Amino acid sequence: MRIRPGDPLPEATVYTQEALPQRLPELLAGRPGVLLFFPAAHTRVCEKELCTVRDGLAAYNQLGAQVYAISVDTPWTLAAYARSLGLSFPLLSDYNREATRAFGLEISLKGLPGFAQRAAYVVTPEGRVAWAWVAEVPAQEPPYEELLSALRAVQAGASP
């Protein structure tokens, strides 16, 4: 079952680029957050998405939000990928697919199972999902302006 607005953030563990386990609710506690699930590192659309967020990161920072991007790649792959793209926000590994499954996002790509469907979530400082978007097709990017509008609403204390 997919996570929807109003749902609490799942108690899933992801891994930092240093392979340290982190619980999602603890990562996002006390401030608004953005979670971006992407299928795989070193792919064209994923690179475009992450670079779009990188280039617009000032808008997220002005709203007090922490941005995290999650894929099923290994922590080491994500560390190298983040360096290659010059990303200043964390990429988190869900190599065990715990978060991908908790959010209801597991898909197959070209016959290979176990990827995360592209999705974006805005999370309140209290740990509730305020806004959710899930791609209809893997090549679809998030609606960045809608995401920022939802984040503005969370910062203002309103629901998006």
N, C-alpha and C. Protein backbone atom coordinates (compact mmCIF):
# COMPACT_ATOMS: atom_id res chain seq x y z
N MET A 1 0.84 -1.18 0.00
CA MET A 1 0.00 0.00 0.00
C MET A 1 0.89 1.24 0.00
N ARG A 2 0.56 2.18 -0.83
CA ARG A 2 1.35 3.41 -0.95
C ARG A 2 1.10 4.36 0.21
N ILE A 3 2.15 5.08 0.56
CA ILE A 3 2.06 6.14 1.58
C ILE A 3 1.35 7.34 0.95
N ARG A 4 0.44 7.93 1.71
CA ARG A 4 -0.36 9.05 1.21
C ARG A 4 -0.28 10.23 2.18
N PRO A 5 -0.67 11.42 1.72
CA PRO A 5 -0.69 12.57 2.63
C PRO A 5 -1.52 12.27 3.88
N GLY A 6 -0.97 12.66 5.02
CA GLY A 6 -1.59 12.39 6.31
C GLY A 6 -1.01 11.19 7.01
N ASP A 7 -0.37 10.29 6.25
CA ASP A 7 0.24 9.10 6.85
C ASP A 7 1.51 9.47 7.61
N PRO A 8 1.82 8.74 8.67
CA PRO A 8 3.11 8.95 9.34
C PRO A 8 4.24 8.40 8.46
N LEU A 9 5.40 8.99 8.63
CA LEU A 9 6.58 8.51 7.93
C LEU A 9 6.88 7.09 8.38
N PRO A 10 7.08 6.15 7.46
CA PRO A 10 7.35 4.77 7.86
C PRO A 10 8.65 4.64 8.67
N GLU A 11 8.67 3.67 9.54
CA GLU A 11 9.86 3.37 10.37
C GLU A 11 10.84 2.52 9.57
N ALA A 12 11.34 3.05 8.49
CA ALA A 12 12.25 2.31 7.62
C ALA A 12 13.69 2.77 7.86
N THR A 13 14.62 1.84 7.68
CA THR A 13 16.05 2.15 7.80
C THR A 13 16.66 2.29 6.42
N VAL A 14 17.43 3.35 6.24
CA VAL A 14 18.23 3.57 5.03
C VAL A 14 19.67 3.71 5.48
N TYR A 15 20.59 3.83 4.52
CA TYR A 15 22.01 3.88 4.86
C TYR A 15 22.67 5.10 4.23
N THR A 16 23.51 5.76 5.03
CA THR A 16 24.27 6.91 4.53
C THR A 16 25.32 6.43 3.53
N GLN A 17 25.98 7.38 2.92
CA GLN A 17 27.05 7.05 1.97
C GLN A 17 28.24 6.41 2.67
N GLU A 18 28.27 6.52 4.00
CA GLU A 18 29.31 5.85 4.80
C GLU A 18 28.82 4.50 5.32
N ALA A 19 27.67 4.04 4.84
CA ALA A 19 27.05 2.76 5.20
C ALA A 19 26.58 2.72 6.65
N LEU A 20 26.22 3.87 7.20
CA LEU A 20 25.68 3.93 8.56
C LEU A 20 24.15 3.89 8.50
N PRO A 21 23.51 3.03 9.31
CA PRO A 21 22.05 2.94 9.28
C PRO A 21 21.41 4.18 9.90
N GLN A 22 20.32 4.63 9.28
CA GLN A 22 19.55 5.77 9.77
C GLN A 22 18.07 5.46 9.62
N ARG A 23 17.30 5.75 10.65
CA ARG A 23 15.84 5.61 10.57
C ARG A 23 15.27 6.88 9.95
N LEU A 24 14.38 6.74 8.99
CA LEU A 24 13.83 7.91 8.32
C LEU A 24 13.20 8.91 9.28
N PRO A 25 12.37 8.49 10.25
CA PRO A 25 11.78 9.47 11.15
C PRO A 25 12.82 10.28 11.93
N GLU A 26 13.93 9.64 12.29
CA GLU A 26 14.98 10.35 13.02
C GLU A 26 15.69 11.36 12.13
N LEU A 27 15.90 11.02 10.87
CA LEU A 27 16.56 11.93 9.94
C LEU A 27 15.77 13.21 9.75
N LEU A 28 14.45 13.09 9.73
CA LEU A 28 13.59 14.22 9.40
C LEU A 28 12.94 14.88 10.61
N ALA A 29 13.27 14.43 11.80
CA ALA A 29 12.61 14.95 13.01
C ALA A 29 12.89 16.43 13.20
N GLY A 30 11.82 17.19 13.44
CA GLY A 30 11.96 18.58 13.85
C GLY A 30 12.09 19.61 12.75
N ARG A 31 12.14 19.19 11.50
CA ARG A 31 12.18 20.16 10.41
C ARG A 31 11.50 19.58 9.19
N PRO A 32 11.01 20.44 8.30
CA PRO A 32 10.39 19.91 7.10
C PRO A 32 11.41 19.17 6.25
N GLY A 33 10.94 18.18 5.54
CA GLY A 33 11.84 17.39 4.72
C GLY A 33 11.26 17.06 3.37
N VAL A 34 12.16 16.76 2.45
CA VAL A 34 11.79 16.29 1.12
C VAL A 34 12.50 14.97 0.90
N LEU A 35 11.73 13.96 0.53
CA LEU A 35 12.29 12.65 0.17
C LEU A 35 12.04 12.42 -1.31
N LEU A 36 13.11 12.16 -2.04
CA LEU A 36 13.02 11.87 -3.46
C LEU A 36 13.49 10.43 -3.69
N PHE A 37 12.61 9.57 -4.12
CA PHE A 37 13.01 8.22 -4.50
C PHE A 37 13.32 8.24 -6.00
N PHE A 38 14.45 7.64 -6.37
CA PHE A 38 14.80 7.55 -7.79
C PHE A 38 15.26 6.12 -8.08
N PRO A 39 15.01 5.63 -9.31
CA PRO A 39 15.28 4.23 -9.61
C PRO A 39 16.73 3.79 -9.50
N ALA A 40 17.66 4.56 -10.08
CA ALA A 40 19.05 4.07 -10.11
C ALA A 40 20.02 5.19 -10.45
N ALA A 41 21.19 5.11 -9.86
CA ALA A 41 22.27 6.04 -10.17
C ALA A 41 22.75 5.81 -11.61
N HIS A 42 23.38 6.83 -12.15
CA HIS A 42 24.00 6.76 -13.48
C HIS A 42 23.00 6.50 -14.59
N THR A 43 21.79 7.03 -14.43
CA THR A 43 20.79 6.95 -15.49
C THR A 43 20.38 8.38 -15.86
N ARG A 44 19.99 8.57 -17.10
CA ARG A 44 19.76 9.90 -17.65
C ARG A 44 18.72 10.71 -16.88
N VAL A 45 17.54 10.16 -16.66
CA VAL A 45 16.48 10.92 -16.01
C VAL A 45 16.79 11.15 -14.54
N CYS A 46 17.38 10.17 -13.89
CA CYS A 46 17.75 10.34 -12.48
C CYS A 46 18.78 11.45 -12.34
N GLU A 47 19.75 11.47 -13.24
CA GLU A 47 20.76 12.53 -13.21
C GLU A 47 20.11 13.90 -13.41
N LYS A 48 19.20 13.99 -14.37
CA LYS A 48 18.50 15.25 -14.63
C LYS A 48 17.72 15.70 -13.39
N GLU A 49 17.00 14.78 -12.77
CA GLU A 49 16.23 15.11 -11.57
C GLU A 49 17.13 15.62 -10.45
N LEU A 50 18.19 14.88 -10.15
CA LEU A 50 19.07 15.26 -9.04
C LEU A 50 19.78 16.57 -9.32
N CYS A 51 20.17 16.81 -10.56
CA CYS A 51 20.82 18.08 -10.90
C CYS A 51 19.84 19.24 -10.87
N THR A 52 18.58 19.01 -11.22
CA THR A 52 17.56 20.05 -11.10
C THR A 52 17.38 20.45 -9.65
N VAL A 53 17.32 19.48 -8.76
CA VAL A 53 17.20 19.78 -7.32
C VAL A 53 18.47 20.47 -6.83
N ARG A 54 19.63 19.97 -7.24
CA ARG A 54 20.90 20.60 -6.85
C ARG A 54 20.92 22.07 -7.25
N ASP A 55 20.51 22.36 -8.48
CA ASP A 55 20.56 23.73 -8.98
C ASP A 55 19.53 24.63 -8.32
N GLY A 56 18.46 24.05 -7.77
CA GLY A 56 17.44 24.83 -7.08
C GLY A 56 17.46 24.68 -5.58
N LEU A 57 18.54 24.13 -5.04
CA LEU A 57 18.59 23.80 -3.61
C LEU A 57 18.40 25.01 -2.71
N ALA A 58 18.79 26.19 -3.16
CA ALA A 58 18.62 27.39 -2.34
C ALA A 58 17.16 27.60 -1.95
N ALA A 59 16.23 27.30 -2.85
CA ALA A 59 14.81 27.46 -2.53
C ALA A 59 14.38 26.51 -1.42
N TYR A 60 14.89 25.29 -1.43
CA TYR A 60 14.57 24.33 -0.37
C TYR A 60 15.18 24.77 0.95
N ASN A 61 16.43 25.23 0.87
CA ASN A 61 17.12 25.69 2.08
C ASN A 61 16.42 26.90 2.70
N GLN A 62 15.94 27.83 1.87
CA GLN A 62 15.23 29.01 2.38
C GLN A 62 13.97 28.62 3.14
N LEU A 63 13.40 27.49 2.79
CA LEU A 63 12.19 27.01 3.46
C LEU A 63 12.52 26.12 4.65
N GLY A 64 13.80 26.00 4.97
CA GLY A 64 14.23 25.23 6.14
C GLY A 64 14.14 23.73 5.96
N ALA A 65 14.08 23.28 4.72
CA ALA A 65 13.88 21.85 4.46
C ALA A 65 15.20 21.12 4.26
N GLN A 66 15.22 19.89 4.71
CA GLN A 66 16.33 18.99 4.42
C GLN A 66 15.88 18.09 3.27
N VAL A 67 16.71 17.99 2.24
CA VAL A 67 16.41 17.17 1.07
C VAL A 67 17.25 15.89 1.14
N TYR A 68 16.59 14.76 0.92
CA TYR A 68 17.27 13.47 0.83
C TYR A 68 16.78 12.78 -0.44
N ALA A 69 17.69 12.14 -1.15
CA ALA A 69 17.31 11.33 -2.31
C ALA A 69 17.69 9.88 -2.01
N ILE A 70 16.80 8.96 -2.35
CA ILE A 70 16.94 7.55 -1.97
C ILE A 70 16.86 6.67 -3.21
N SER A 71 17.78 5.72 -3.31
CA SER A 71 17.69 4.69 -4.35
C SER A 71 18.15 3.36 -3.76
N VAL A 72 17.98 2.30 -4.54
CA VAL A 72 18.38 0.97 -4.08
C VAL A 72 19.85 0.67 -4.37
N ASP A 73 20.59 1.64 -4.87
CA ASP A 73 22.03 1.46 -5.11
C ASP A 73 22.76 1.33 -3.78
N THR A 74 23.98 0.80 -3.82
CA THR A 74 24.79 0.66 -2.61
C THR A 74 25.26 2.02 -2.11
N PRO A 75 25.60 2.12 -0.82
CA PRO A 75 26.12 3.39 -0.30
C PRO A 75 27.34 3.88 -1.08
N TRP A 76 28.21 2.97 -1.49
CA TRP A 76 29.45 3.36 -2.17
C TRP A 76 29.17 3.88 -3.57
N THR A 77 28.22 3.26 -4.25
CA THR A 77 27.81 3.75 -5.57
C THR A 77 27.24 5.15 -5.45
N LEU A 78 26.40 5.36 -4.43
CA LEU A 78 25.78 6.67 -4.25
C LEU A 78 26.80 7.73 -3.85
N ALA A 79 27.80 7.37 -3.07
CA ALA A 79 28.84 8.33 -2.70
C ALA A 79 29.58 8.80 -3.95
N ALA A 80 29.96 7.87 -4.81
CA ALA A 80 30.66 8.23 -6.05
C ALA A 80 29.75 9.04 -6.98
N TYR A 81 28.48 8.67 -7.04
CA TYR A 81 27.51 9.38 -7.89
C TYR A 81 27.32 10.81 -7.39
N ALA A 82 27.16 10.99 -6.09
CA ALA A 82 26.99 12.33 -5.52
C ALA A 82 28.21 13.20 -5.84
N ARG A 83 29.39 12.65 -5.70
CA ARG A 83 30.62 13.40 -6.03
C ARG A 83 30.65 13.78 -7.51
N SER A 84 30.28 12.83 -8.36
CA SER A 84 30.35 13.09 -9.81
C SER A 84 29.38 14.18 -10.24
N LEU A 85 28.26 14.33 -9.52
CA LEU A 85 27.26 15.35 -9.85
C LEU A 85 27.42 16.63 -9.04
N GLY A 86 28.33 16.63 -8.08
CA GLY A 86 28.52 17.81 -7.23
C GLY A 86 27.32 18.09 -6.35
N LEU A 87 26.70 17.04 -5.82
CA LEU A 87 25.51 17.21 -4.98
C LEU A 87 25.90 17.61 -3.57
N SER A 88 25.13 18.53 -3.00
CA SER A 88 25.38 18.95 -1.62
C SER A 88 24.27 18.51 -0.68
N PHE A 89 23.39 17.65 -1.15
CA PHE A 89 22.37 17.04 -0.30
C PHE A 89 22.62 15.53 -0.29
N PRO A 90 22.22 14.85 0.78
CA PRO A 90 22.55 13.43 0.93
C PRO A 90 21.78 12.50 0.00
N LEU A 91 22.50 11.53 -0.54
CA LEU A 91 21.89 10.39 -1.21
C LEU A 91 21.93 9.24 -0.23
N LEU A 92 20.80 8.57 -0.05
CA LEU A 92 20.68 7.48 0.91
C LEU A 92 20.44 6.16 0.20
N SER A 93 21.06 5.12 0.70
CA SER A 93 20.93 3.80 0.11
C SER A 93 19.81 3.01 0.78
N ASP A 94 18.97 2.46 -0.05
CA ASP A 94 17.92 1.53 0.39
C ASP A 94 18.19 0.18 -0.27
N TYR A 95 19.46 -0.24 -0.20
CA TYR A 95 19.86 -1.47 -0.90
C TYR A 95 19.06 -2.69 -0.44
N ASN A 96 18.55 -2.66 0.80
CA ASN A 96 17.74 -3.78 1.29
C ASN A 96 16.25 -3.61 0.96
N ARG A 97 15.90 -2.51 0.31
CA ARG A 97 14.54 -2.19 -0.17
C ARG A 97 13.52 -1.98 0.95
N GLU A 98 13.96 -1.77 2.16
CA GLU A 98 13.03 -1.60 3.28
C GLU A 98 12.16 -0.35 3.10
N ALA A 99 12.77 0.77 2.77
CA ALA A 99 12.00 2.00 2.57
C ALA A 99 11.16 1.92 1.30
N THR A 100 11.74 1.38 0.24
CA THR A 100 11.01 1.24 -1.02
C THR A 100 9.73 0.44 -0.81
N ARG A 101 9.82 -0.64 -0.07
CA ARG A 101 8.63 -1.46 0.21
C ARG A 101 7.67 -0.75 1.17
N ALA A 102 8.21 -0.08 2.19
CA ALA A 102 7.36 0.61 3.16
C ALA A 102 6.54 1.71 2.50
N PHE A 103 7.09 2.34 1.47
CA PHE A 103 6.37 3.39 0.75
C PHE A 103 5.51 2.82 -0.38
N GLY A 104 5.60 1.52 -0.63
CA GLY A 104 4.81 0.89 -1.70
C GLY A 104 5.32 1.25 -3.09
N LEU A 105 6.64 1.35 -3.25
CA LEU A 105 7.22 1.85 -4.49
C LEU A 105 8.01 0.82 -5.29
N GLU A 106 8.04 -0.43 -4.89
CA GLU A 106 8.89 -1.41 -5.58
C GLU A 106 8.34 -1.73 -6.97
N ILE A 107 9.22 -1.62 -7.97
CA ILE A 107 8.84 -1.90 -9.36
C ILE A 107 9.94 -2.73 -10.03
N SER A 108 9.61 -3.23 -11.21
CA SER A 108 10.60 -3.87 -12.08
C SER A 108 10.88 -2.93 -13.25
N LEU A 109 12.14 -2.89 -13.66
CA LEU A 109 12.53 -2.11 -14.83
C LEU A 109 13.18 -3.04 -15.84
N LYS A 110 12.61 -3.09 -17.02
CA LYS A 110 13.14 -3.94 -18.10
C LYS A 110 13.33 -5.38 -17.63
N GLY A 111 12.38 -5.86 -16.84
CA GLY A 111 12.40 -7.24 -16.37
C GLY A 111 13.22 -7.48 -15.11
N LEU A 112 13.88 -6.45 -14.60
CA LEU A 112 14.68 -6.60 -13.37
C LEU A 112 13.87 -6.09 -12.18
N PRO A 113 13.57 -6.93 -11.20
CA PRO A 113 12.77 -6.50 -10.05
C PRO A 113 13.61 -5.74 -9.02
N GLY A 114 12.90 -5.03 -8.15
CA GLY A 114 13.54 -4.46 -6.97
C GLY A 114 13.96 -3.02 -7.05
N PHE A 115 13.52 -2.29 -8.06
CA PHE A 115 13.85 -0.87 -8.14
C PHE A 115 12.79 -0.04 -7.42
N ALA A 116 13.16 1.19 -7.06
CA ALA A 116 12.20 2.13 -6.48
C ALA A 116 11.58 2.95 -7.60
N GLN A 117 10.27 3.07 -7.55
CA GLN A 117 9.58 3.94 -8.49
C GLN A 117 9.94 5.38 -8.14
N ARG A 118 10.07 6.23 -9.15
CA ARG A 118 10.37 7.63 -8.90
C ARG A 118 9.20 8.25 -8.13
N ALA A 119 9.51 8.93 -7.04
CA ALA A 119 8.47 9.53 -6.20
C ALA A 119 9.06 10.69 -5.42
N ALA A 120 8.20 11.57 -4.95
CA ALA A 120 8.62 12.70 -4.13
C ALA A 120 7.62 12.89 -3.00
N TYR A 121 8.14 13.23 -1.83
CA TYR A 121 7.31 13.42 -0.64
C TYR A 121 7.78 14.66 0.11
N VAL A 122 6.82 15.41 0.63
CA VAL A 122 7.11 16.49 1.58
C VAL A 122 6.64 15.99 2.93
N VAL A 123 7.52 16.11 3.93
CA VAL A 123 7.25 15.60 5.27
C VAL A 123 7.25 16.76 6.26
N THR A 124 6.29 16.76 7.17
CA THR A 124 6.21 17.81 8.19
C THR A 124 7.27 17.59 9.27
N PRO A 125 7.56 18.63 10.05
CA PRO A 125 8.50 18.45 11.17
C PRO A 125 8.02 17.41 12.19
N GLU A 126 6.72 17.15 12.20
CA GLU A 126 6.16 16.15 13.12
C GLU A 126 6.21 14.74 12.55
N GLY A 127 6.73 14.58 11.35
CA GLY A 127 6.89 13.25 10.78
C GLY A 127 5.70 12.71 10.01
N ARG A 128 4.86 13.59 9.49
CA ARG A 128 3.72 13.16 8.68
C ARG A 128 3.95 13.56 7.23
N VAL A 129 3.48 12.73 6.33
CA VAL A 129 3.58 13.05 4.91
C VAL A 129 2.53 14.12 4.60
N ALA A 130 2.99 15.25 4.08
CA ALA A 130 2.08 16.35 3.75
C ALA A 130 1.70 16.35 2.27
N TRP A 131 2.58 15.83 1.44
CA TRP A 131 2.36 15.85 -0.01
C TRP A 131 3.08 14.65 -0.60
N ALA A 132 2.47 14.03 -1.60
CA ALA A 132 3.08 12.85 -2.23
C ALA A 132 2.83 12.89 -3.72
N TRP A 133 3.84 12.48 -4.45
CA TRP A 133 3.75 12.35 -5.91
C TRP A 133 4.50 11.08 -6.30
N VAL A 134 3.89 10.27 -7.17
CA VAL A 134 4.52 9.05 -7.66
C VAL A 134 4.43 9.07 -9.19
N ALA A 135 5.56 8.84 -9.84
CA ALA A 135 5.62 8.86 -11.31
C ALA A 135 4.75 7.78 -11.92
N GLU A 136 4.09 8.13 -13.01
CA GLU A 136 3.32 7.13 -13.75
C GLU A 136 4.23 6.27 -14.61
N VAL A 137 5.33 6.85 -15.07
CA VAL A 137 6.34 6.13 -15.86
C VAL A 137 7.71 6.53 -15.33
N PRO A 138 8.71 5.66 -15.42
CA PRO A 138 10.02 5.96 -14.84
C PRO A 138 10.69 7.23 -15.37
N ALA A 139 10.40 7.63 -16.61
CA ALA A 139 11.05 8.81 -17.19
C ALA A 139 10.41 10.13 -16.76
N GLN A 140 9.34 10.07 -16.00
CA GLN A 140 8.63 11.28 -15.57
C GLN A 140 9.33 11.89 -14.36
N GLU A 141 9.61 13.20 -14.44
CA GLU A 141 10.23 13.91 -13.31
C GLU A 141 9.16 14.47 -12.39
N PRO A 142 9.53 14.74 -11.14
CA PRO A 142 8.56 15.33 -10.21
C PRO A 142 8.13 16.72 -10.65
N PRO A 143 6.94 17.14 -10.27
CA PRO A 143 6.51 18.51 -10.53
C PRO A 143 7.15 19.44 -9.48
N TYR A 144 8.31 19.98 -9.81
CA TYR A 144 9.12 20.71 -8.84
C TYR A 144 8.39 21.89 -8.22
N GLU A 145 7.62 22.63 -9.01
CA GLU A 145 6.89 23.79 -8.46
C GLU A 145 5.82 23.35 -7.47
N GLU A 146 5.12 22.25 -7.77
CA GLU A 146 4.13 21.72 -6.82
C GLU A 146 4.81 21.28 -5.53
N LEU A 147 5.96 20.66 -5.66
CA LEU A 147 6.72 20.22 -4.49
C LEU A 147 7.08 21.42 -3.61
N LEU A 148 7.60 22.49 -4.24
CA LEU A 148 7.96 23.69 -3.48
C LEU A 148 6.73 24.36 -2.88
N SER A 149 5.61 24.36 -3.58
CA SER A 149 4.37 24.93 -3.03
C SER A 149 3.92 24.16 -1.79
N ALA A 150 4.02 22.84 -1.86
CA ALA A 150 3.66 22.01 -0.70
C ALA A 150 4.59 22.30 0.47
N LEU A 151 5.85 22.49 0.18
CA LEU A 151 6.84 22.80 1.22
C LEU A 151 6.55 24.16 1.84
N ARG A 152 6.17 25.13 1.02
CA ARG A 152 5.80 26.46 1.55
C ARG A 152 4.59 26.34 2.48
N ALA A 153 3.62 25.53 2.09
CA ALA A 153 2.42 25.35 2.93
C ALA A 153 2.80 24.72 4.26
N VAL A 154 3.68 23.73 4.25
CA VAL A 154 4.13 23.10 5.50
C VAL A 154 4.84 24.12 6.37
N GLN A 155 5.70 24.93 5.77
CA GLN A 155 6.43 25.93 6.54
C GLN A 155 5.46 26.95 7.15
N ALA A 156 4.39 27.27 6.43
CA ALA A 156 3.40 28.23 6.92
C ALA A 156 2.43 27.61 7.92
N GLY A 157 2.54 26.30 8.13
CA GLY A 157 1.66 25.62 9.08
C GLY A 157 0.33 25.21 8.50
N ALA A 158 0.20 25.26 7.18
CA ALA A 158 -1.04 24.87 6.52
C ALA A 158 -0.82 23.53 5.83
N SER A 159 -1.91 22.86 5.49
CA SER A 159 -1.76 21.64 4.71
C SER A 159 -1.76 22.02 3.24
N PRO A 160 -0.93 21.35 2.44
CA PRO A 160 -0.82 21.69 1.01
C PRO A 160 -2.11 21.47 0.26
